[in-house]
Amino acid sequence: MQAGASGRFLGDVRFYIAVSFVIRLYGITDPPLETSHHWRQTSVAMVARNLVEDHFDVFHPRMDTAGELSGITGMEFPFLNMLIACCIALFGPAHWYGRVIVLITSSIGLWAYHRLVDRYVGRGPAFYSTLALIVSLWFMYSRKMMPDVMALSLVIIGLAIMSDALHGRRGKAFCMAGLRSRAWGC
């Protein structure tokens, strides 16, 4: 019975998602001084800190690199920065909040990806493609304080929720990413 239980355990992609989550926790609190993308991580942290100081004005994200100018910069909507700013406001300043937020979101995104591929392609391709995604660049980028993998994860999670709603697996209230509409049969 033990061999069958361990076989089921090792055949479950959630095990590998959890293992990769734990592995990526190593060094998560290190400063953003890696050889690549340190500038991007520090700019995300800078905007998050400025959001706290500017009373969460998410429509005017500010950077400290503008000299005498206002520092308002054009960028993606600062959703990740806003979440980091909330953590700073609640728990005090720390530079690693963004990494943990992206890591959690990307792990949920992996599970949503697996469910989508399983539904539309099959169990085998879902399992192996999720394993390939875990060890791909996703492994490195999902522990950096950058909005790229988080945004992609949120899109995949949204697609999984929409797919569940269209197939009647989750409540109809989530149909079309939470919008209730008779046109979609909700």
N, C-alpha and C. Protein backbone atom coordinates (compact mmCIF):
# COMPACT_ATOMS: atom_id res chain seq x y z
N MET A 1 0.82 -1.19 0.00
CA MET A 1 0.00 0.00 0.00
C MET A 1 0.87 1.25 0.00
N GLN A 2 2.01 1.19 0.65
CA GLN A 2 2.91 2.34 0.69
C GLN A 2 3.41 2.69 -0.71
N ALA A 3 3.76 1.69 -1.51
CA ALA A 3 4.27 1.97 -2.85
C ALA A 3 3.20 2.63 -3.70
N GLY A 4 1.96 2.19 -3.58
CA GLY A 4 0.87 2.80 -4.34
C GLY A 4 0.62 4.23 -3.91
N ALA A 5 0.69 4.47 -2.61
CA ALA A 5 0.47 5.82 -2.10
C ALA A 5 1.59 6.76 -2.56
N SER A 6 2.84 6.29 -2.52
CA SER A 6 3.93 7.16 -2.96
C SER A 6 3.88 7.37 -4.47
N GLY A 7 3.42 6.38 -5.22
CA GLY A 7 3.26 6.54 -6.66
C GLY A 7 2.22 7.60 -7.00
N ARG A 8 1.11 7.57 -6.26
CA ARG A 8 0.09 8.61 -6.47
C ARG A 8 0.63 9.97 -6.07
N PHE A 9 1.40 10.00 -5.00
CA PHE A 9 1.97 11.24 -4.51
C PHE A 9 2.93 11.84 -5.54
N LEU A 10 3.83 11.01 -6.08
CA LEU A 10 4.79 11.48 -7.07
C LEU A 10 4.16 11.76 -8.42
N GLY A 11 3.00 11.20 -8.67
CA GLY A 11 2.30 11.45 -9.91
C GLY A 11 1.38 12.66 -9.86
N ASP A 12 1.34 13.33 -8.73
CA ASP A 12 0.49 14.51 -8.55
C ASP A 12 1.34 15.76 -8.76
N VAL A 13 0.95 16.59 -9.70
CA VAL A 13 1.74 17.77 -10.02
C VAL A 13 1.79 18.76 -8.86
N ARG A 14 0.83 18.71 -7.97
CA ARG A 14 0.84 19.61 -6.80
C ARG A 14 2.07 19.36 -5.93
N PHE A 15 2.54 18.12 -5.89
CA PHE A 15 3.77 17.80 -5.15
C PHE A 15 4.95 18.59 -5.73
N TYR A 16 5.08 18.59 -7.05
CA TYR A 16 6.20 19.28 -7.70
C TYR A 16 6.06 20.79 -7.59
N ILE A 17 4.84 21.30 -7.63
CA ILE A 17 4.63 22.73 -7.43
C ILE A 17 5.05 23.11 -6.01
N ALA A 18 4.68 22.29 -5.03
CA ALA A 18 5.05 22.57 -3.64
C ALA A 18 6.56 22.48 -3.44
N VAL A 19 7.20 21.48 -4.04
CA VAL A 19 8.66 21.34 -3.92
C VAL A 19 9.36 22.54 -4.55
N SER A 20 8.91 22.96 -5.73
CA SER A 20 9.54 24.12 -6.37
C SER A 20 9.29 25.39 -5.56
N PHE A 21 8.13 25.49 -4.92
CA PHE A 21 7.84 26.63 -4.05
C PHE A 21 8.85 26.68 -2.90
N VAL A 22 9.05 25.54 -2.25
CA VAL A 22 9.97 25.49 -1.11
C VAL A 22 11.41 25.77 -1.56
N ILE A 23 11.82 25.23 -2.69
CA ILE A 23 13.18 25.48 -3.20
C ILE A 23 13.36 26.96 -3.50
N ARG A 24 12.37 27.58 -4.09
CA ARG A 24 12.49 29.00 -4.45
C ARG A 24 12.43 29.92 -3.23
N LEU A 25 12.02 29.40 -2.09
CA LEU A 25 12.05 30.20 -0.86
C LEU A 25 13.49 30.45 -0.38
N TYR A 26 14.42 29.59 -0.82
CA TYR A 26 15.81 29.76 -0.40
C TYR A 26 16.33 31.11 -0.89
N GLY A 27 16.79 31.92 0.01
CA GLY A 27 17.36 33.22 -0.33
C GLY A 27 16.34 34.27 -0.71
N ILE A 28 15.09 34.03 -0.43
CA ILE A 28 14.03 34.95 -0.86
C ILE A 28 14.18 36.32 -0.19
N THR A 29 14.81 36.36 0.98
CA THR A 29 14.98 37.64 1.69
C THR A 29 16.30 38.31 1.37
N ASP A 30 17.10 37.73 0.45
CA ASP A 30 18.34 38.39 0.04
C ASP A 30 18.02 39.70 -0.67
N PRO A 31 18.92 40.68 -0.59
CA PRO A 31 18.67 41.93 -1.32
C PRO A 31 18.65 41.70 -2.82
N PRO A 32 17.95 42.56 -3.56
CA PRO A 32 17.84 42.37 -5.02
C PRO A 32 19.14 42.76 -5.74
N LEU A 33 20.20 42.02 -5.48
CA LEU A 33 21.50 42.34 -6.06
C LEU A 33 22.00 41.24 -6.99
N GLU A 34 21.08 40.48 -7.57
CA GLU A 34 21.50 39.44 -8.50
C GLU A 34 22.11 40.09 -9.74
N THR A 35 22.74 39.31 -10.55
CA THR A 35 23.42 39.86 -11.72
C THR A 35 22.44 40.32 -12.80
N SER A 36 21.24 39.80 -12.79
CA SER A 36 20.28 40.22 -13.81
C SER A 36 19.01 40.76 -13.16
N HIS A 37 18.48 41.76 -13.73
CA HIS A 37 17.20 42.36 -13.35
C HIS A 37 17.19 43.04 -11.99
N HIS A 38 18.33 43.32 -11.43
CA HIS A 38 18.32 44.02 -10.14
C HIS A 38 17.74 45.41 -10.29
N TRP A 39 17.96 46.05 -11.44
CA TRP A 39 17.41 47.39 -11.67
C TRP A 39 15.89 47.35 -11.68
N ARG A 40 15.31 46.28 -12.24
CA ARG A 40 13.85 46.18 -12.32
C ARG A 40 13.26 45.92 -10.94
N GLN A 41 13.90 45.07 -10.18
CA GLN A 41 13.40 44.78 -8.84
C GLN A 41 13.48 46.02 -7.94
N THR A 42 14.56 46.77 -8.07
CA THR A 42 14.68 47.97 -7.24
C THR A 42 13.70 49.04 -7.68
N SER A 43 13.41 49.13 -8.96
CA SER A 43 12.42 50.13 -9.39
C SER A 43 11.02 49.75 -8.91
N VAL A 44 10.70 48.45 -8.89
CA VAL A 44 9.41 48.02 -8.35
C VAL A 44 9.32 48.36 -6.87
N ALA A 45 10.38 48.08 -6.12
CA ALA A 45 10.40 48.39 -4.69
C ALA A 45 10.33 49.90 -4.45
N MET A 46 10.99 50.66 -5.31
CA MET A 46 10.98 52.12 -5.17
C MET A 46 9.57 52.68 -5.36
N VAL A 47 8.88 52.22 -6.39
CA VAL A 47 7.51 52.69 -6.62
C VAL A 47 6.61 52.25 -5.47
N ALA A 48 6.80 51.05 -4.95
CA ALA A 48 5.99 50.58 -3.82
C ALA A 48 6.21 51.46 -2.59
N ARG A 49 7.47 51.76 -2.30
CA ARG A 49 7.75 52.64 -1.16
C ARG A 49 7.13 54.01 -1.35
N ASN A 50 7.23 54.54 -2.57
CA ASN A 50 6.64 55.85 -2.85
C ASN A 50 5.12 55.82 -2.79
N LEU A 51 4.51 54.69 -3.10
CA LEU A 51 3.06 54.57 -2.94
C LEU A 51 2.66 54.72 -1.48
N VAL A 52 3.44 54.13 -0.58
CA VAL A 52 3.16 54.27 0.84
C VAL A 52 3.30 55.73 1.26
N GLU A 53 4.36 56.38 0.80
CA GLU A 53 4.61 57.77 1.17
C GLU A 53 3.62 58.74 0.53
N ASP A 54 3.07 58.39 -0.65
CA ASP A 54 2.13 59.26 -1.37
C ASP A 54 0.68 58.84 -1.17
N HIS A 55 0.39 58.15 -0.09
CA HIS A 55 -0.98 57.75 0.26
C HIS A 55 -1.65 56.92 -0.84
N PHE A 56 -0.91 55.98 -1.38
CA PHE A 56 -1.41 54.98 -2.34
C PHE A 56 -2.02 55.60 -3.59
N ASP A 57 -1.36 56.56 -4.16
CA ASP A 57 -1.80 57.19 -5.42
C ASP A 57 -1.32 56.31 -6.58
N VAL A 58 -2.08 55.26 -6.90
CA VAL A 58 -1.65 54.28 -7.89
C VAL A 58 -1.71 54.82 -9.32
N PHE A 59 -2.41 55.93 -9.52
CA PHE A 59 -2.50 56.49 -10.87
C PHE A 59 -1.34 57.43 -11.19
N HIS A 60 -0.48 57.69 -10.21
CA HIS A 60 0.70 58.52 -10.41
C HIS A 60 1.92 57.85 -9.76
N PRO A 61 2.35 56.70 -10.30
CA PRO A 61 3.51 56.03 -9.70
C PRO A 61 4.75 56.91 -9.85
N ARG A 62 5.51 56.98 -8.77
CA ARG A 62 6.68 57.86 -8.75
C ARG A 62 7.97 57.08 -8.54
N MET A 63 9.01 57.57 -9.24
CA MET A 63 10.36 57.03 -9.08
C MET A 63 11.25 58.14 -8.54
N ASP A 64 12.33 57.77 -7.89
CA ASP A 64 13.23 58.74 -7.30
C ASP A 64 14.35 59.17 -8.25
N THR A 65 14.30 58.76 -9.49
CA THR A 65 15.39 59.02 -10.42
C THR A 65 15.14 60.22 -11.32
N ALA A 66 14.16 61.05 -11.00
CA ALA A 66 13.79 62.16 -11.88
C ALA A 66 14.45 63.48 -11.50
N GLY A 67 15.28 63.48 -10.50
CA GLY A 67 15.93 64.73 -10.09
C GLY A 67 14.94 65.70 -9.48
N GLU A 68 14.86 66.89 -10.03
CA GLU A 68 13.96 67.93 -9.52
C GLU A 68 12.53 67.79 -10.04
N LEU A 69 12.29 66.89 -10.95
CA LEU A 69 10.95 66.70 -11.51
C LEU A 69 10.07 65.93 -10.52
N SER A 70 8.80 65.74 -10.88
CA SER A 70 7.85 65.08 -9.97
C SER A 70 8.15 63.60 -9.77
N GLY A 71 8.78 62.97 -10.74
CA GLY A 71 9.08 61.54 -10.62
C GLY A 71 7.99 60.65 -11.14
N ILE A 72 6.84 61.22 -11.54
CA ILE A 72 5.75 60.40 -12.09
C ILE A 72 6.27 59.75 -13.36
N THR A 73 6.06 58.46 -13.45
CA THR A 73 6.62 57.70 -14.57
C THR A 73 5.54 56.89 -15.27
N GLY A 74 5.75 56.65 -16.54
CA GLY A 74 4.86 55.77 -17.28
C GLY A 74 5.29 54.33 -17.07
N MET A 75 4.35 53.50 -16.70
CA MET A 75 4.65 52.09 -16.44
C MET A 75 3.35 51.30 -16.50
N GLU A 76 3.45 49.98 -16.36
CA GLU A 76 2.25 49.16 -16.26
C GLU A 76 1.48 49.57 -15.01
N PHE A 77 0.19 49.17 -14.96
CA PHE A 77 -0.57 49.51 -13.75
C PHE A 77 0.14 48.89 -12.56
N PRO A 78 0.41 49.66 -11.51
CA PRO A 78 1.26 49.17 -10.42
C PRO A 78 0.53 48.27 -9.42
N PHE A 79 -0.05 47.19 -9.91
CA PHE A 79 -0.77 46.27 -9.04
C PHE A 79 0.17 45.58 -8.05
N LEU A 80 1.27 45.04 -8.57
CA LEU A 80 2.26 44.40 -7.69
C LEU A 80 2.81 45.42 -6.70
N ASN A 81 3.13 46.60 -7.19
CA ASN A 81 3.66 47.65 -6.32
C ASN A 81 2.65 47.98 -5.22
N MET A 82 1.38 47.99 -5.56
CA MET A 82 0.33 48.28 -4.59
C MET A 82 0.27 47.18 -3.51
N LEU A 83 0.37 45.93 -3.92
CA LEU A 83 0.38 44.84 -2.94
C LEU A 83 1.59 44.92 -2.02
N ILE A 84 2.74 45.25 -2.59
CA ILE A 84 3.94 45.42 -1.78
C ILE A 84 3.75 46.59 -0.81
N ALA A 85 3.18 47.68 -1.29
CA ALA A 85 2.94 48.85 -0.44
C ALA A 85 2.00 48.50 0.71
N CYS A 86 0.99 47.67 0.43
CA CYS A 86 0.09 47.23 1.51
C CYS A 86 0.86 46.44 2.56
N CYS A 87 1.76 45.57 2.13
CA CYS A 87 2.58 44.80 3.08
C CYS A 87 3.48 45.73 3.89
N ILE A 88 4.04 46.74 3.23
CA ILE A 88 4.89 47.70 3.94
C ILE A 88 4.06 48.44 4.99
N ALA A 89 2.85 48.86 4.61
CA ALA A 89 2.00 49.59 5.55
C ALA A 89 1.58 48.71 6.73
N LEU A 90 1.36 47.41 6.47
CA LEU A 90 0.92 46.51 7.53
C LEU A 90 2.05 46.00 8.41
N PHE A 91 3.17 45.62 7.80
CA PHE A 91 4.23 44.92 8.52
C PHE A 91 5.53 45.70 8.66
N GLY A 92 5.62 46.86 8.05
CA GLY A 92 6.86 47.62 8.09
C GLY A 92 7.70 47.36 6.85
N PRO A 93 8.73 48.17 6.63
CA PRO A 93 9.51 48.05 5.40
C PRO A 93 10.36 46.78 5.34
N ALA A 94 10.33 46.15 4.20
CA ALA A 94 11.20 45.00 3.87
C ALA A 94 11.21 44.89 2.36
N HIS A 95 12.33 44.53 1.80
CA HIS A 95 12.47 44.51 0.35
C HIS A 95 12.00 43.20 -0.29
N TRP A 96 11.66 42.19 0.46
CA TRP A 96 11.37 40.87 -0.10
C TRP A 96 9.88 40.57 -0.23
N TYR A 97 9.00 41.45 0.19
CA TYR A 97 7.56 41.18 0.10
C TYR A 97 7.14 40.86 -1.34
N GLY A 98 7.65 41.63 -2.27
CA GLY A 98 7.28 41.42 -3.67
C GLY A 98 7.65 40.04 -4.18
N ARG A 99 8.78 39.54 -3.75
CA ARG A 99 9.20 38.20 -4.18
C ARG A 99 8.24 37.13 -3.68
N VAL A 100 7.81 37.26 -2.44
CA VAL A 100 6.88 36.27 -1.89
C VAL A 100 5.53 36.36 -2.60
N ILE A 101 5.07 37.57 -2.86
CA ILE A 101 3.79 37.76 -3.56
C ILE A 101 3.85 37.13 -4.95
N VAL A 102 4.93 37.39 -5.68
CA VAL A 102 5.07 36.81 -7.03
C VAL A 102 5.21 35.30 -6.95
N LEU A 103 5.93 34.79 -5.96
CA LEU A 103 6.11 33.34 -5.80
C LEU A 103 4.78 32.65 -5.53
N ILE A 104 3.97 33.20 -4.66
CA ILE A 104 2.66 32.61 -4.35
C ILE A 104 1.76 32.65 -5.58
N THR A 105 1.71 33.81 -6.24
CA THR A 105 0.86 33.95 -7.42
C THR A 105 1.30 33.01 -8.54
N SER A 106 2.60 32.89 -8.75
CA SER A 106 3.08 32.02 -9.82
C SER A 106 2.83 30.55 -9.52
N SER A 107 2.88 30.17 -8.25
CA SER A 107 2.58 28.78 -7.89
C SER A 107 1.10 28.46 -8.13
N ILE A 108 0.23 29.40 -7.79
CA ILE A 108 -1.20 29.21 -8.09
C ILE A 108 -1.40 29.19 -9.60
N GLY A 109 -0.65 30.02 -10.32
CA GLY A 109 -0.73 30.03 -11.78
C GLY A 109 -0.30 28.71 -12.40
N LEU A 110 0.70 28.06 -11.82
CA LEU A 110 1.11 26.73 -12.30
C LEU A 110 -0.02 25.72 -12.16
N TRP A 111 -0.69 25.75 -11.02
CA TRP A 111 -1.80 24.82 -10.79
C TRP A 111 -2.95 25.12 -11.76
N ALA A 112 -3.24 26.41 -12.01
CA ALA A 112 -4.29 26.78 -12.96
C ALA A 112 -3.91 26.35 -14.37
N TYR A 113 -2.64 26.50 -14.73
CA TYR A 113 -2.16 26.05 -16.04
C TYR A 113 -2.37 24.54 -16.20
N HIS A 114 -2.00 23.80 -15.17
CA HIS A 114 -2.18 22.35 -15.20
C HIS A 114 -3.65 21.98 -15.41
N ARG A 115 -4.53 22.64 -14.68
CA ARG A 115 -5.96 22.35 -14.81
C ARG A 115 -6.48 22.66 -16.21
N LEU A 116 -6.02 23.77 -16.80
CA LEU A 116 -6.47 24.13 -18.15
C LEU A 116 -6.00 23.11 -19.19
N VAL A 117 -4.71 22.76 -19.13
CA VAL A 117 -4.19 21.79 -20.10
C VAL A 117 -4.84 20.43 -19.90
N ASP A 118 -5.06 20.04 -18.66
CA ASP A 118 -5.73 18.77 -18.36
C ASP A 118 -7.13 18.75 -18.97
N ARG A 119 -7.86 19.83 -18.83
CA ARG A 119 -9.23 19.89 -19.34
C ARG A 119 -9.28 19.81 -20.86
N TYR A 120 -8.38 20.52 -21.55
CA TYR A 120 -8.50 20.65 -22.99
C TYR A 120 -7.58 19.74 -23.79
N VAL A 121 -6.53 19.19 -23.17
CA VAL A 121 -5.59 18.34 -23.91
C VAL A 121 -5.51 16.95 -23.31
N GLY A 122 -5.40 16.85 -21.99
CA GLY A 122 -5.32 15.55 -21.35
C GLY A 122 -4.37 15.56 -20.17
N ARG A 123 -4.45 14.48 -19.37
CA ARG A 123 -3.66 14.40 -18.13
C ARG A 123 -2.16 14.32 -18.39
N GLY A 124 -1.75 13.49 -19.30
CA GLY A 124 -0.31 13.33 -19.57
C GLY A 124 0.34 14.64 -20.02
N PRO A 125 -0.19 15.26 -21.08
CA PRO A 125 0.40 16.55 -21.49
C PRO A 125 0.33 17.62 -20.41
N ALA A 126 -0.73 17.59 -19.60
CA ALA A 126 -0.85 18.57 -18.52
C ALA A 126 0.26 18.37 -17.50
N PHE A 127 0.49 17.13 -17.12
CA PHE A 127 1.51 16.83 -16.11
C PHE A 127 2.90 17.22 -16.62
N TYR A 128 3.26 16.74 -17.81
CA TYR A 128 4.61 16.96 -18.30
C TYR A 128 4.85 18.41 -18.73
N SER A 129 3.86 19.07 -19.28
CA SER A 129 4.06 20.47 -19.65
C SER A 129 4.15 21.36 -18.41
N THR A 130 3.43 21.01 -17.35
CA THR A 130 3.56 21.77 -16.11
C THR A 130 4.93 21.56 -15.50
N LEU A 131 5.44 20.32 -15.53
CA LEU A 131 6.81 20.08 -15.05
C LEU A 131 7.82 20.88 -15.88
N ALA A 132 7.63 20.92 -17.19
CA ALA A 132 8.53 21.70 -18.05
C ALA A 132 8.45 23.18 -17.70
N LEU A 133 7.26 23.66 -17.44
CA LEU A 133 7.09 25.07 -17.06
C LEU A 133 7.74 25.36 -15.71
N ILE A 134 7.64 24.43 -14.78
CA ILE A 134 8.24 24.62 -13.45
C ILE A 134 9.75 24.82 -13.56
N VAL A 135 10.42 24.04 -14.41
CA VAL A 135 11.88 24.10 -14.49
C VAL A 135 12.38 25.05 -15.58
N SER A 136 11.47 25.74 -16.25
CA SER A 136 11.87 26.67 -17.30
C SER A 136 12.26 28.01 -16.67
N LEU A 137 12.27 29.05 -17.48
CA LEU A 137 12.55 30.39 -16.97
C LEU A 137 11.56 30.81 -15.90
N TRP A 138 10.40 30.15 -15.87
CA TRP A 138 9.39 30.41 -14.84
C TRP A 138 10.01 30.23 -13.45
N PHE A 139 10.88 29.24 -13.32
CA PHE A 139 11.52 28.96 -12.03
C PHE A 139 12.32 30.16 -11.55
N MET A 140 13.06 30.78 -12.44
CA MET A 140 13.89 31.92 -12.06
C MET A 140 13.06 33.20 -11.90
N TYR A 141 12.20 33.47 -12.87
CA TYR A 141 11.47 34.73 -12.86
C TYR A 141 10.36 34.77 -11.82
N SER A 142 9.88 33.64 -11.39
CA SER A 142 8.78 33.64 -10.42
C SER A 142 9.24 33.92 -9.00
N ARG A 143 10.52 34.14 -8.82
CA ARG A 143 11.00 34.54 -7.49
C ARG A 143 11.66 35.90 -7.53
N LYS A 144 11.42 36.63 -8.60
CA LYS A 144 11.94 37.99 -8.70
C LYS A 144 10.79 38.98 -8.51
N MET A 145 11.12 40.14 -8.00
CA MET A 145 10.12 41.16 -7.74
C MET A 145 9.85 41.94 -9.03
N MET A 146 9.25 41.23 -9.99
CA MET A 146 8.91 41.84 -11.28
C MET A 146 7.49 41.42 -11.62
N PRO A 147 6.73 42.30 -12.26
CA PRO A 147 5.32 42.00 -12.51
C PRO A 147 5.06 41.04 -13.67
N ASP A 148 6.06 40.63 -14.41
CA ASP A 148 5.86 39.84 -15.62
C ASP A 148 5.20 38.49 -15.35
N VAL A 149 5.83 37.66 -14.54
CA VAL A 149 5.29 36.32 -14.27
C VAL A 149 4.00 36.42 -13.46
N MET A 150 3.91 37.42 -12.60
CA MET A 150 2.68 37.59 -11.83
C MET A 150 1.51 37.92 -12.76
N ALA A 151 1.74 38.83 -13.71
CA ALA A 151 0.68 39.19 -14.65
C ALA A 151 0.26 37.98 -15.50
N LEU A 152 1.23 37.23 -15.97
CA LEU A 152 0.92 36.03 -16.75
C LEU A 152 0.17 35.01 -15.90
N SER A 153 0.56 34.86 -14.65
CA SER A 153 -0.12 33.94 -13.74
C SER A 153 -1.57 34.38 -13.52
N LEU A 154 -1.80 35.67 -13.35
CA LEU A 154 -3.16 36.16 -13.15
C LEU A 154 -4.03 35.93 -14.38
N VAL A 155 -3.44 36.05 -15.57
CA VAL A 155 -4.19 35.76 -16.80
C VAL A 155 -4.56 34.28 -16.84
N ILE A 156 -3.61 33.40 -16.53
CA ILE A 156 -3.88 31.96 -16.54
C ILE A 156 -4.92 31.60 -15.49
N ILE A 157 -4.83 32.20 -14.30
CA ILE A 157 -5.82 31.95 -13.25
C ILE A 157 -7.19 32.42 -13.71
N GLY A 158 -7.26 33.59 -14.34
CA GLY A 158 -8.53 34.09 -14.86
C GLY A 158 -9.11 33.17 -15.93
N LEU A 159 -8.26 32.66 -16.82
CA LEU A 159 -8.74 31.71 -17.83
C LEU A 159 -9.27 30.43 -17.20
N ALA A 160 -8.60 29.96 -16.15
CA ALA A 160 -9.06 28.75 -15.46
C ALA A 160 -10.41 28.99 -14.79
N ILE A 161 -10.58 30.15 -14.17
CA ILE A 161 -11.86 30.48 -13.54
C ILE A 161 -12.95 30.57 -14.59
N MET A 162 -12.65 31.22 -15.72
CA MET A 162 -13.63 31.32 -16.79
C MET A 162 -13.97 29.94 -17.35
N SER A 163 -12.97 29.10 -17.53
CA SER A 163 -13.21 27.76 -18.03
C SER A 163 -14.08 26.95 -17.07
N ASP A 164 -13.78 27.07 -15.78
CA ASP A 164 -14.59 26.39 -14.77
C ASP A 164 -16.04 26.87 -14.82
N ALA A 165 -16.22 28.17 -14.95
CA ALA A 165 -17.59 28.71 -14.99
C ALA A 165 -18.32 28.26 -16.24
N LEU A 166 -17.64 28.25 -17.37
CA LEU A 166 -18.29 27.84 -18.62
C LEU A 166 -18.62 26.35 -18.64
N HIS A 167 -17.87 25.57 -17.86
CA HIS A 167 -18.12 24.14 -17.78
C HIS A 167 -18.95 23.77 -16.55
N GLY A 168 -19.43 24.77 -15.82
CA GLY A 168 -20.31 24.53 -14.68
C GLY A 168 -19.63 23.95 -13.47
N ARG A 169 -18.29 24.07 -13.38
CA ARG A 169 -17.59 23.47 -12.25
C ARG A 169 -17.50 24.41 -11.06
N ARG A 170 -17.48 25.67 -11.29
CA ARG A 170 -17.46 26.65 -10.21
C ARG A 170 -18.76 27.44 -10.31
N GLY A 171 -19.06 28.21 -9.33
CA GLY A 171 -20.31 28.97 -9.32
C GLY A 171 -20.48 29.82 -10.56
N LYS A 172 -21.70 29.95 -11.00
CA LYS A 172 -21.98 30.78 -12.17
C LYS A 172 -21.66 32.24 -11.90
N ALA A 173 -21.51 32.62 -10.66
CA ALA A 173 -21.18 34.01 -10.34
C ALA A 173 -19.81 34.40 -10.87
N PHE A 174 -18.93 33.42 -11.13
CA PHE A 174 -17.60 33.72 -11.63
C PHE A 174 -17.54 33.75 -13.15
N CYS A 175 -18.66 33.58 -13.79
CA CYS A 175 -18.69 33.52 -15.25
C CYS A 175 -18.06 34.78 -15.84
N MET A 176 -17.18 34.59 -16.79
CA MET A 176 -16.48 35.67 -17.47
C MET A 176 -15.74 36.55 -16.47
N ALA A 177 -14.94 35.90 -15.65
CA ALA A 177 -14.07 36.57 -14.68
C ALA A 177 -14.83 37.44 -13.70
N GLY A 178 -15.98 36.95 -13.27
CA GLY A 178 -16.70 37.61 -12.20
C GLY A 178 -17.84 38.49 -12.64
N LEU A 179 -18.00 38.72 -13.92
CA LEU A 179 -19.08 39.59 -14.39
C LEU A 179 -20.32 38.75 -14.66
N ARG A 180 -21.41 39.08 -14.03
CA ARG A 180 -22.64 38.33 -14.22
C ARG A 180 -23.35 38.87 -15.46
N SER A 181 -23.64 37.99 -16.40
CA SER A 181 -24.25 38.42 -17.65
C SER A 181 -25.15 37.34 -18.21
N ARG A 182 -26.36 37.70 -18.55
CA ARG A 182 -27.29 36.73 -19.14
C ARG A 182 -26.86 36.35 -20.55
N ALA A 183 -26.11 37.23 -21.22
CA ALA A 183 -25.67 36.93 -22.58
C ALA A 183 -24.74 35.73 -22.62
N TRP A 184 -24.04 35.44 -21.51
CA TRP A 184 -23.14 34.31 -21.46
C TRP A 184 -23.77 33.11 -20.78
N GLY A 185 -25.04 33.19 -20.51
CA GLY A 185 -25.74 32.05 -19.92
C GLY A 185 -25.50 31.90 -18.44
N CYS A 186 -25.16 32.96 -17.76
CA CYS A 186 -24.92 32.89 -16.31
C CYS A 186 -26.21 33.11 -15.55
